[in-house]
């Protein structure tokens, strides 16, 4: 009934989850995000402590191999398949916020 209003309140997005890069396309704007599929995770309070996202995309890729012991930079996609669903979900949330 109010479907005609939808175009005013939502964006049509297409997301390409790649092993190397994630792209987000917005209708009418084209590709608005092209970031590496990398997430930096901060481990707080030891091995059984809370994990939080420290960075995603380009910022996280720059951390690969250069992070302190409590931060781990990972690629949640392996061989075109989601290897870590939770981390991939958080990565997507951060990427969508960037758009």
PDB file of N, CA and C in Angstrom:
ATOM      1  N   UNK A   1       0.820  -1.182   0.000  1.00  0.00           N
ATOM      2  CA  UNK A   1       0.000   0.000   0.000  1.00  0.00           C
ATOM      3  C   UNK A   1       0.872   1.257   0.000  1.00  0.00           C
ATOM      4  N   UNK A   2       1.881   1.325   0.863  1.00  0.00           N
ATOM      5  CA  UNK A   2       2.755   2.494   0.924  1.00  0.00           C
ATOM      6  C   UNK A   2       4.108   2.216   0.282  1.00  0.00           C
ATOM      7  N   UNK A   3       4.150   1.253  -0.612  1.00  0.00           N
ATOM      8  CA  UNK A   3       5.394   0.873  -1.266  1.00  0.00           C
ATOM      9  C   UNK A   3       6.053   2.009  -2.029  1.00  0.00           C
ATOM     10  N   UNK A   4       5.269   2.948  -2.526  1.00  0.00           N
ATOM     11  CA  UNK A   4       5.835   4.074  -3.271  1.00  0.00           C
ATOM     12  C   UNK A   4       6.709   4.950  -2.384  1.00  0.00           C
ATOM     13  N   UNK A   5       6.528   4.903  -1.069  1.00  0.00           N
ATOM     14  CA  UNK A   5       7.342   5.691  -0.141  1.00  0.00           C
ATOM     15  C   UNK A   5       8.702   5.053   0.128  1.00  0.00           C
ATOM     16  N   UNK A   6       8.820   3.763  -0.154  1.00  0.00           N
ATOM     17  CA  UNK A   6      10.051   3.039   0.150  1.00  0.00           C
ATOM     18  C   UNK A   6      11.277   3.699  -0.475  1.00  0.00           C
ATOM     19  N   UNK A   7      11.171   4.185  -1.705  1.00  0.00           N
ATOM     20  CA  UNK A   7      12.327   4.771  -2.385  1.00  0.00           C
ATOM     21  C   UNK A   7      12.849   6.014  -1.683  1.00  0.00           C
ATOM     22  N   UNK A   8      12.037   6.628  -0.850  1.00  0.00           N
ATOM     23  CA  UNK A   8      12.468   7.821  -0.126  1.00  0.00           C
ATOM     24  C   UNK A   8      13.181   7.490   1.186  1.00  0.00           C
ATOM     25  N   UNK A   9      13.028   6.283   1.676  1.00  0.00           N
ATOM     26  CA  UNK A   9      13.561   5.923   2.985  1.00  0.00           C
ATOM     27  C   UNK A   9      14.609   4.813   2.960  1.00  0.00           C
ATOM     28  N   UNK A  10      14.903   4.258   1.795  1.00  0.00           N
ATOM     29  CA  UNK A  10      15.892   3.186   1.746  1.00  0.00           C
ATOM     30  C   UNK A  10      16.756   3.314   0.502  1.00  0.00           C
ATOM     31  N   UNK A  11      17.955   2.746   0.602  1.00  0.00           N
ATOM     32  CA  UNK A  11      18.858   2.675  -0.540  1.00  0.00           C
ATOM     33  C   UNK A  11      18.879   1.243  -1.042  1.00  0.00           C
ATOM     34  N   UNK A  12      18.888   1.081  -2.349  1.00  0.00           N
ATOM     35  CA  UNK A  12      19.065  -0.245  -2.919  1.00  0.00           C
ATOM     36  C   UNK A  12      20.558  -0.502  -3.013  1.00  0.00           C
ATOM     37  N   UNK A  13      21.024  -1.525  -2.299  1.00  0.00           N
ATOM     38  CA  UNK A  13      22.443  -1.858  -2.253  1.00  0.00           C
ATOM     39  C   UNK A  13      22.684  -3.221  -2.886  1.00  0.00           C
ATOM     40  N   UNK A  14      23.826  -3.346  -3.531  1.00  0.00           N
ATOM     41  CA  UNK A  14      24.314  -4.651  -3.972  1.00  0.00           C
ATOM     42  C   UNK A  14      25.691  -4.813  -3.342  1.00  0.00           C
ATOM     43  N   UNK A  15      25.941  -5.963  -2.742  1.00  0.00           N
ATOM     44  CA  UNK A  15      27.207  -6.202  -2.049  1.00  0.00           C
ATOM     45  C   UNK A  15      27.907  -7.395  -2.685  1.00  0.00           C
ATOM     46  N   UNK A  16      29.161  -7.192  -3.067  1.00  0.00           N
ATOM     47  CA  UNK A  16      30.000  -8.260  -3.609  1.00  0.00           C
ATOM     48  C   UNK A  16      31.043  -8.598  -2.552  1.00  0.00           C
ATOM     49  N   UNK A  17      30.821  -9.722  -1.872  1.00  0.00           N
ATOM     50  CA  UNK A  17      31.762 -10.182  -0.846  1.00  0.00           C
ATOM     51  C   UNK A  17      32.849 -10.997  -1.525  1.00  0.00           C
ATOM     52  N   UNK A  18      34.016 -10.422  -1.648  1.00  0.00           N
ATOM     53  CA  UNK A  18      35.116 -11.132  -2.280  1.00  0.00           C
ATOM     54  C   UNK A  18      36.177 -11.511  -1.269  1.00  0.00           C
ATOM     55  N   UNK A  19      36.993 -12.486  -1.624  1.00  0.00           N
ATOM     56  CA  UNK A  19      38.079 -12.906  -0.748  1.00  0.00           C
ATOM     57  C   UNK A  19      39.079 -11.778  -0.558  1.00  0.00           C
ATOM     58  N   UNK A  20      39.362 -11.026  -1.618  1.00  0.00           N
ATOM     59  CA  UNK A  20      40.325  -9.925  -1.538  1.00  0.00           C
ATOM     60  C   UNK A  20      39.646  -8.610  -1.171  1.00  0.00           C
ATOM     61  N   UNK A  21      38.574  -8.250  -1.876  1.00  0.00           N
ATOM     62  CA  UNK A  21      37.896  -6.965  -1.653  1.00  0.00           C
ATOM     63  C   UNK A  21      36.391  -7.148  -1.546  1.00  0.00           C
ATOM     64  N   UNK A  22      35.748  -6.215  -0.845  1.00  0.00           N
ATOM     65  CA  UNK A  22      34.299  -6.139  -0.768  1.00  0.00           C
ATOM     66  C   UNK A  22      33.881  -4.856  -1.463  1.00  0.00           C
ATOM     67  N   UNK A  23      32.887  -4.960  -2.354  1.00  0.00           N
ATOM     68  CA  UNK A  23      32.380  -3.796  -3.067  1.00  0.00           C
ATOM     69  C   UNK A  23      30.922  -3.582  -2.704  1.00  0.00           C
ATOM     70  N   UNK A  24      30.522  -2.318  -2.584  1.00  0.00           N
ATOM     71  CA  UNK A  24      29.121  -1.979  -2.364  1.00  0.00           C
ATOM     72  C   UNK A  24      28.695  -1.029  -3.470  1.00  0.00           C
ATOM     73  N   UNK A  25      27.597  -1.393  -4.133  1.00  0.00           N
ATOM     74  CA  UNK A  25      27.020  -0.614  -5.220  1.00  0.00           C
ATOM     75  C   UNK A  25      25.703  -0.029  -4.731  1.00  0.00           C
ATOM     76  N   UNK A  26      25.485   1.254  -4.985  1.00  0.00           N
ATOM     77  CA  UNK A  26      24.221   1.908  -4.645  1.00  0.00           C
ATOM     78  C   UNK A  26      23.557   2.328  -5.951  1.00  0.00           C
ATOM     79  N   UNK A  27      22.280   1.987  -6.099  1.00  0.00           N
ATOM     80  CA  UNK A  27      21.553   2.335  -7.316  1.00  0.00           C
ATOM     81  C   UNK A  27      21.596   3.846  -7.534  1.00  0.00           C
ATOM     82  N   UNK A  28      21.972   4.228  -8.729  1.00  0.00           N
ATOM     83  CA  UNK A  28      22.032   5.640  -9.082  1.00  0.00           C
ATOM     84  C   UNK A  28      23.361   6.306  -8.760  1.00  0.00           C
ATOM     85  N   UNK A  29      24.194   5.638  -7.959  1.00  0.00           N
ATOM     86  CA  UNK A  29      25.492   6.211  -7.581  1.00  0.00           C
ATOM     87  C   UNK A  29      26.664   5.365  -8.060  1.00  0.00           C
ATOM     88  N   UNK A  30      26.432   4.106  -8.353  1.00  0.00           N
ATOM     89  CA  UNK A  30      27.506   3.209  -8.769  1.00  0.00           C
ATOM     90  C   UNK A  30      28.205   2.583  -7.571  1.00  0.00           C
ATOM     91  N   UNK A  31      29.453   2.168  -7.778  1.00  0.00           N
ATOM     92  CA  UNK A  31      30.234   1.550  -6.700  1.00  0.00           C
ATOM     93  C   UNK A  31      30.688   2.653  -5.753  1.00  0.00           C
ATOM     94  N   UNK A  32      30.228   2.572  -4.518  1.00  0.00           N
ATOM     95  CA  UNK A  32      30.539   3.614  -3.531  1.00  0.00           C
ATOM     96  C   UNK A  32      31.558   3.147  -2.496  1.00  0.00           C
ATOM     97  N   UNK A  33      31.865   1.848  -2.494  1.00  0.00           N
ATOM     98  CA  UNK A  33      32.849   1.334  -1.544  1.00  0.00           C
ATOM     99  C   UNK A  33      33.602   0.183  -2.186  1.00  0.00           C
ATOM    100  N   UNK A  34      34.911   0.228  -2.109  1.00  0.00           N
ATOM    101  CA  UNK A  34      35.783  -0.847  -2.586  1.00  0.00           C
ATOM    102  C   UNK A  34      36.902  -0.963  -1.559  1.00  0.00           C
ATOM    103  N   UNK A  35      36.730  -1.877  -0.613  1.00  0.00           N
ATOM    104  CA  UNK A  35      37.655  -2.016   0.519  1.00  0.00           C
ATOM    105  C   UNK A  35      38.158  -3.453   0.617  1.00  0.00           C
ATOM    106  N   UNK A  36      39.377  -3.632   1.115  1.00  0.00           N
ATOM    107  CA  UNK A  36      39.876  -4.990   1.355  1.00  0.00           C
ATOM    108  C   UNK A  36      39.002  -5.719   2.381  1.00  0.00           C
ATOM    109  N   UNK A  37      38.804  -7.006   2.170  1.00  0.00           N
ATOM    110  CA  UNK A  37      38.012  -7.830   3.093  1.00  0.00           C
ATOM    111  C   UNK A  37      38.895  -8.275   4.254  1.00  0.00           C
ATOM    112  N   UNK A  38      39.260  -7.324   5.102  1.00  0.00           N
ATOM    113  CA  UNK A  38      40.145  -7.574   6.243  1.00  0.00           C
ATOM    114  C   UNK A  38      39.544  -6.917   7.481  1.00  0.00           C
ATOM    115  N   UNK A  39      39.656  -7.595   8.614  1.00  0.00           N
ATOM    116  CA  UNK A  39      39.148  -7.078   9.886  1.00  0.00           C
ATOM    117  C   UNK A  39      40.248  -7.197  10.937  1.00  0.00           C
ATOM    118  N   UNK A  40      40.460  -6.128  11.694  1.00  0.00           N
ATOM    119  CA  UNK A  40      41.390  -6.157  12.829  1.00  0.00           C
ATOM    120  C   UNK A  40      40.554  -6.303  14.096  1.00  0.00           C
ATOM    121  N   UNK A  41      40.845  -7.342  14.868  1.00  0.00           N
ATOM    122  CA  UNK A  41      40.081  -7.645  16.082  1.00  0.00           C
ATOM    123  C   UNK A  41      40.966  -7.435  17.299  1.00  0.00           C
ATOM    124  N   UNK A  42      40.463  -6.674  18.262  1.00  0.00           N
ATOM    125  CA  UNK A  42      41.183  -6.418  19.518  1.00  0.00           C
ATOM    126  C   UNK A  42      40.665  -7.383  20.581  1.00  0.00           C
ATOM    127  N   UNK A  43      41.591  -8.106  21.205  1.00  0.00           N
ATOM    128  CA  UNK A  43      41.266  -9.034  22.293  1.00  0.00           C
ATOM    129  C   UNK A  43      41.505  -8.304  23.610  1.00  0.00           C
ATOM    130  N   UNK A  44      40.449  -8.104  24.379  1.00  0.00           N
ATOM    131  CA  UNK A  44      40.561  -7.384  25.652  1.00  0.00           C
ATOM    132  C   UNK A  44      40.395  -8.351  26.814  1.00  0.00           C
ATOM    133  N   UNK A  45      41.278  -8.266  27.783  1.00  0.00           N
ATOM    134  CA  UNK A  45      41.146  -9.076  28.990  1.00  0.00           C
ATOM    135  C   UNK A  45      41.626 -10.502  28.855  1.00  0.00           C
ATOM    136  N   UNK A  46      42.608 -10.750  28.029  1.00  0.00           N
ATOM    137  CA  UNK A  46      43.168 -12.094  27.909  1.00  0.00           C
ATOM    138  C   UNK A  46      42.439 -12.952  26.902  1.00  0.00           C
ATOM    139  N   UNK A  47      42.842 -14.231  26.808  1.00  0.00           N
ATOM    140  CA  UNK A  47      42.294 -15.134  25.789  1.00  0.00           C
ATOM    141  C   UNK A  47      40.785 -15.352  25.879  1.00  0.00           C
ATOM    142  N   UNK A  48      40.232 -15.298  27.077  1.00  0.00           N
ATOM    143  CA  UNK A  48      38.789 -15.516  27.219  1.00  0.00           C
ATOM    144  C   UNK A  48      38.022 -14.202  27.315  1.00  0.00           C
ATOM    145  N   UNK A  49      38.699 -13.097  27.055  1.00  0.00           N
ATOM    146  CA  UNK A  49      38.076 -11.779  27.167  1.00  0.00           C
ATOM    147  C   UNK A  49      37.243 -11.405  25.960  1.00  0.00           C
ATOM    148  N   UNK A  50      36.769 -10.182  25.992  1.00  0.00           N
ATOM    149  CA  UNK A  50      35.888  -9.648  24.959  1.00  0.00           C
ATOM    150  C   UNK A  50      36.673  -9.310  23.693  1.00  0.00           C
ATOM    151  N   UNK A  51      36.083  -9.625  22.533  1.00  0.00           N
ATOM    152  CA  UNK A  51      36.681  -9.274  21.247  1.00  0.00           C
ATOM    153  C   UNK A  51      35.896  -8.111  20.645  1.00  0.00           C
ATOM    154  N   UNK A  52      36.615  -7.090  20.183  1.00  0.00           N
ATOM    155  CA  UNK A  52      35.971  -5.948  19.539  1.00  0.00           C
ATOM    156  C   UNK A  52      36.664  -5.666  18.210  1.00  0.00           C
ATOM    157  N   UNK A  53      35.927  -5.042  17.310  1.00  0.00           N
ATOM    158  CA  UNK A  53      36.477  -4.674  16.007  1.00  0.00           C
ATOM    159  C   UNK A  53      37.309  -3.407  16.181  1.00  0.00           C
ATOM    160  N   UNK A  54      38.583  -3.484  15.825  1.00  0.00           N
ATOM    161  CA  UNK A  54      39.479  -2.327  15.914  1.00  0.00           C
ATOM    162  C   UNK A  54      39.479  -1.542  14.609  1.00  0.00           C
ATOM    163  N   UNK A  55      39.385  -2.245  13.475  1.00  0.00           N
ATOM    164  CA  UNK A  55      39.397  -1.587  12.166  1.00  0.00           C
ATOM    165  C   UNK A  55      38.903  -2.567  11.107  1.00  0.00           C
ATOM    166  N   UNK A  56      38.433  -2.020   9.984  1.00  0.00           N
ATOM    167  CA  UNK A  56      38.034  -2.837   8.836  1.00  0.00           C
ATOM    168  C   UNK A  56      38.601  -2.215   7.568  1.00  0.00           C
ATOM    169  N   UNK A  57      38.660  -3.015   6.519  1.00  0.00           N
ATOM    170  CA  UNK A  57      39.058  -2.493   5.217  1.00  0.00           C
ATOM    171  C   UNK A  57      40.523  -2.105   5.122  1.00  0.00           C
ATOM    172  N   UNK A  58      40.778  -0.970   4.476  1.00  0.00           N
ATOM    173  CA  UNK A  58      42.145  -0.503   4.228  1.00  0.00           C
ATOM    174  C   UNK A  58      42.927  -0.331   5.518  1.00  0.00           C
ATOM    175  N   UNK A  59      42.283   0.245   6.521  1.00  0.00           N
ATOM    176  CA  UNK A  59      42.958   0.467   7.809  1.00  0.00           C
ATOM    177  C   UNK A  59      43.389  -0.864   8.432  1.00  0.00           C
ATOM    178  N   UNK A  60      42.520  -1.862   8.371  1.00  0.00           N
ATOM    179  CA  UNK A  60      42.847  -3.181   8.926  1.00  0.00           C
ATOM    180  C   UNK A  60      43.918  -3.875   8.085  1.00  0.00           C
ATOM    181  N   UNK A  61      43.874  -3.712   6.763  1.00  0.00           N
ATOM    182  CA  UNK A  61      44.874  -4.343   5.894  1.00  0.00           C
ATOM    183  C   UNK A  61      46.271  -3.821   6.200  1.00  0.00           C
ATOM    184  N   UNK A  62      46.369  -2.543   6.518  1.00  0.00           N
ATOM    185  CA  UNK A  62      47.662  -1.962   6.861  1.00  0.00           C
ATOM    186  C   UNK A  62      48.217  -2.557   8.151  1.00  0.00           C
ATOM    187  N   UNK A  63      47.351  -3.149   8.974  1.00  0.00           N
ATOM    188  CA  UNK A  63      47.776  -3.754  10.236  1.00  0.00           C
ATOM    189  C   UNK A  63      48.274  -5.192  10.066  1.00  0.00           C
ATOM    190  N   UNK A  64      47.987  -5.827   8.915  1.00  0.00           N
ATOM    191  CA  UNK A  64      48.391  -7.221   8.709  1.00  0.00           C
ATOM    192  C   UNK A  64      49.890  -7.380   8.940  1.00  0.00           C
ATOM    193  N   UNK A  65      50.254  -8.246   9.873  1.00  0.00           N
ATOM    194  CA  UNK A  65      51.653  -8.514  10.168  1.00  0.00           C
ATOM    195  C   UNK A  65      52.353  -7.454  10.993  1.00  0.00           C
ATOM    196  N   UNK A  66      51.637  -6.392  11.378  1.00  0.00           N
ATOM    197  CA  UNK A  66      52.274  -5.294  12.126  1.00  0.00           C
ATOM    198  C   UNK A  66      51.469  -4.887  13.354  1.00  0.00           C
ATOM    199  N   UNK A  67      50.781  -5.801  13.953  1.00  0.00           N
ATOM    200  CA  UNK A  67      49.907  -5.438  15.060  1.00  0.00           C
ATOM    201  C   UNK A  67      50.464  -5.954  16.383  1.00  0.00           C
ATOM    202  N   UNK A  68      50.122  -5.277  17.490  1.00  0.00           N
ATOM    203  CA  UNK A  68      50.551  -5.777  18.799  1.00  0.00           C
ATOM    204  C   UNK A  68      49.844  -7.092  19.132  1.00  0.00           C
ATOM    205  N   UNK A  69      50.289  -7.730  20.188  1.00  0.00           N
ATOM    206  CA  UNK A  69      49.772  -9.040  20.561  1.00  0.00           C
ATOM    207  C   UNK A  69      48.286  -9.115  20.815  1.00  0.00           C
ATOM    208  N   UNK A  70      47.664  -8.019  21.238  1.00  0.00           N
ATOM    209  CA  UNK A  70      46.238  -8.082  21.563  1.00  0.00           C
ATOM    210  C   UNK A  70      45.342  -7.750  20.365  1.00  0.00           C
ATOM    211  N   UNK A  71      45.928  -7.476  19.188  1.00  0.00           N
ATOM    212  CA  UNK A  71      45.144  -7.202  17.982  1.00  0.00           C
ATOM    213  C   UNK A  71      45.541  -8.203  16.905  1.00  0.00           C
ATOM    214  N   UNK A  72      44.521  -8.795  16.283  1.00  0.00           N
ATOM    215  CA  UNK A  72      44.750  -9.775  15.227  1.00  0.00           C
ATOM    216  C   UNK A  72      44.041  -9.299  13.961  1.00  0.00           C
ATOM    217  N   UNK A  73      44.762  -9.175  12.856  1.00  0.00           N
ATOM    218  CA  UNK A  73      44.170  -8.798  11.574  1.00  0.00           C
ATOM    219  C   UNK A  73      43.900 -10.076  10.792  1.00  0.00           C
ATOM    220  N   UNK A  74      42.628 -10.290  10.418  1.00  0.00           N
ATOM    221  CA  UNK A  74      42.251 -11.530   9.736  1.00  0.00           C
ATOM    222  C   UNK A  74      41.442 -11.236   8.481  1.00  0.00           C
ATOM    223  N   UNK A  75      41.380 -12.228   7.616  1.00  0.00           N
ATOM    224  CA  UNK A  75      40.527 -12.196   6.429  1.00  0.00           C
ATOM    225  C   UNK A  75      39.396 -13.199   6.679  1.00  0.00           C
ATOM    226  N   UNK A  76      38.163 -12.721   6.887  1.00  0.00           N
ATOM    227  CA  UNK A  76      37.062 -13.632   7.209  1.00  0.00           C
ATOM    228  C   UNK A  76      36.556 -14.451   6.020  1.00  0.00           C
ATOM    229  N   UNK A  77      37.039 -14.143   4.813  1.00  0.00           N
ATOM    230  CA  UNK A  77      36.665 -14.894   3.614  1.00  0.00           C
ATOM    231  C   UNK A  77      37.864 -15.744   3.186  1.00  0.00           C
ATOM    232  N   UNK A  78      37.630 -17.012   2.917  1.00  0.00           N
ATOM    233  CA  UNK A  78      38.693 -17.923   2.473  1.00  0.00           C
ATOM    234  C   UNK A  78      38.226 -18.642   1.209  1.00  0.00           C
ATOM    235  N   UNK A  79      38.978 -18.523   0.138  1.00  0.00           N
ATOM    236  CA  UNK A  79      38.675 -19.213  -1.125  1.00  0.00           C
ATOM    237  C   UNK A  79      37.245 -18.962  -1.596  1.00  0.00           C
ATOM    238  N   UNK A  80      36.770 -17.737  -1.445  1.00  0.00           N
ATOM    239  CA  UNK A  80      35.441 -17.363  -1.916  1.00  0.00           C
ATOM    240  C   UNK A  80      34.299 -17.796  -1.016  1.00  0.00           C
ATOM    241  N   UNK A  81      34.618 -18.301   0.169  1.00  0.00           N
ATOM    242  CA  UNK A  81      33.605 -18.791   1.106  1.00  0.00           C
ATOM    243  C   UNK A  81      33.763 -18.053   2.429  1.00  0.00           C
ATOM    244  N   UNK A  82      32.643 -17.784   3.098  1.00  0.00           N
ATOM    245  CA  UNK A  82      32.704 -17.134   4.407  1.00  0.00           C
ATOM    246  C   UNK A  82      33.279 -18.132   5.409  1.00  0.00           C
ATOM    247  N   UNK A  83      34.445 -17.807   5.959  1.00  0.00           N
ATOM    248  CA  UNK A  83      35.110 -18.690   6.920  1.00  0.00           C
ATOM    249  C   UNK A  83      34.695 -18.373   8.352  1.00  0.00           C
ATOM    250  N   UNK A  84      34.344 -17.120   8.619  1.00  0.00           N
ATOM    251  CA  UNK A  84      33.943 -16.695   9.961  1.00  0.00           C
ATOM    252  C   UNK A  84      32.716 -15.796   9.828  1.00  0.00           C
ATOM    253  N   UNK A  85      31.539 -16.369  10.083  1.00  0.00           N
ATOM    254  CA  UNK A  85      30.287 -15.644   9.883  1.00  0.00           C
ATOM    255  C   UNK A  85      30.155 -14.431  10.794  1.00  0.00           C
ATOM    256  N   UNK A  86      30.548 -14.570  12.043  1.00  0.00           N
ATOM    257  CA  UNK A  86      30.406 -13.471  13.000  1.00  0.00           C
ATOM    258  C   UNK A  86      31.257 -12.281  12.596  1.00  0.00           C
ATOM    259  N   UNK A  87      32.503 -12.525  12.241  1.00  0.00           N
ATOM    260  CA  UNK A  87      33.402 -11.437  11.847  1.00  0.00           C
ATOM    261  C   UNK A  87      32.942 -10.824  10.528  1.00  0.00           C
ATOM    262  N   UNK A  88      32.478 -11.654   9.591  1.00  0.00           N
ATOM    263  CA  UNK A  88      31.982 -11.137   8.311  1.00  0.00           C
ATOM    264  C   UNK A  88      30.769 -10.246   8.533  1.00  0.00           C
ATOM    265  N   UNK A  89      29.879 -10.642   9.431  1.00  0.00           N
ATOM    266  CA  UNK A  89      28.704  -9.827   9.749  1.00  0.00           C
ATOM    267  C   UNK A  89      29.123  -8.464  10.288  1.00  0.00           C
ATOM    268  N   UNK A  90      30.078  -8.448  11.205  1.00  0.00           N
ATOM    269  CA  UNK A  90      30.547  -7.182  11.777  1.00  0.00           C
ATOM    270  C   UNK A  90      31.247  -6.325  10.720  1.00  0.00           C
ATOM    271  N   UNK A  91      32.010  -6.961   9.840  1.00  0.00           N
ATOM    272  CA  UNK A  91      32.680  -6.242   8.759  1.00  0.00           C
ATOM    273  C   UNK A  91      31.647  -5.573   7.855  1.00  0.00           C
ATOM    274  N   UNK A  92      30.601  -6.309   7.492  1.00  0.00           N
ATOM    275  CA  UNK A  92      29.554  -5.743   6.638  1.00  0.00           C
ATOM    276  C   UNK A  92      28.844  -4.578   7.309  1.00  0.00           C
ATOM    277  N   UNK A  93      28.570  -4.704   8.600  1.00  0.00           N
ATOM    278  CA  UNK A  93      27.928  -3.600   9.329  1.00  0.00           C
ATOM    279  C   UNK A  93      28.786  -2.343   9.260  1.00  0.00           C
ATOM    280  N   UNK A  94      30.093  -2.501   9.443  1.00  0.00           N
ATOM    281  CA  UNK A  94      30.998  -1.346   9.395  1.00  0.00           C
ATOM    282  C   UNK A  94      31.047  -0.758   7.987  1.00  0.00           C
ATOM    283  N   UNK A  95      31.098  -1.610   6.966  1.00  0.00           N
ATOM    284  CA  UNK A  95      31.139  -1.117   5.591  1.00  0.00           C
ATOM    285  C   UNK A  95      29.856  -0.365   5.237  1.00  0.00           C
ATOM    286  N   UNK A  96      28.716  -0.879   5.661  1.00  0.00           N
ATOM    287  CA  UNK A  96      27.444  -0.207   5.358  1.00  0.00           C
ATOM    288  C   UNK A  96      27.373   1.139   6.062  1.00  0.00           C
ATOM    289  N   UNK A  97      27.913   1.237   7.274  1.00  0.00           N
ATOM    290  CA  UNK A  97      27.973   2.535   7.964  1.00  0.00           C
ATOM    291  C   UNK A  97      28.816   3.536   7.181  1.00  0.00           C
ATOM    292  N   UNK A  98      29.861   3.037   6.485  1.00  0.00           N
ATOM    293  CA  UNK A  98      30.737   3.920   5.704  1.00  0.00           C
ATOM    294  C   UNK A  98      30.004   4.518   4.500  1.00  0.00           C
ATOM    295  N   UNK A  99      28.995   3.808   4.012  1.00  0.00           N
ATOM    296  CA  UNK A  99      28.239   4.272   2.850  1.00  0.00           C
ATOM    297  C   UNK A  99      27.226   5.247   3.336  1.00  0.00           C
TER     298      UNK A  99
END
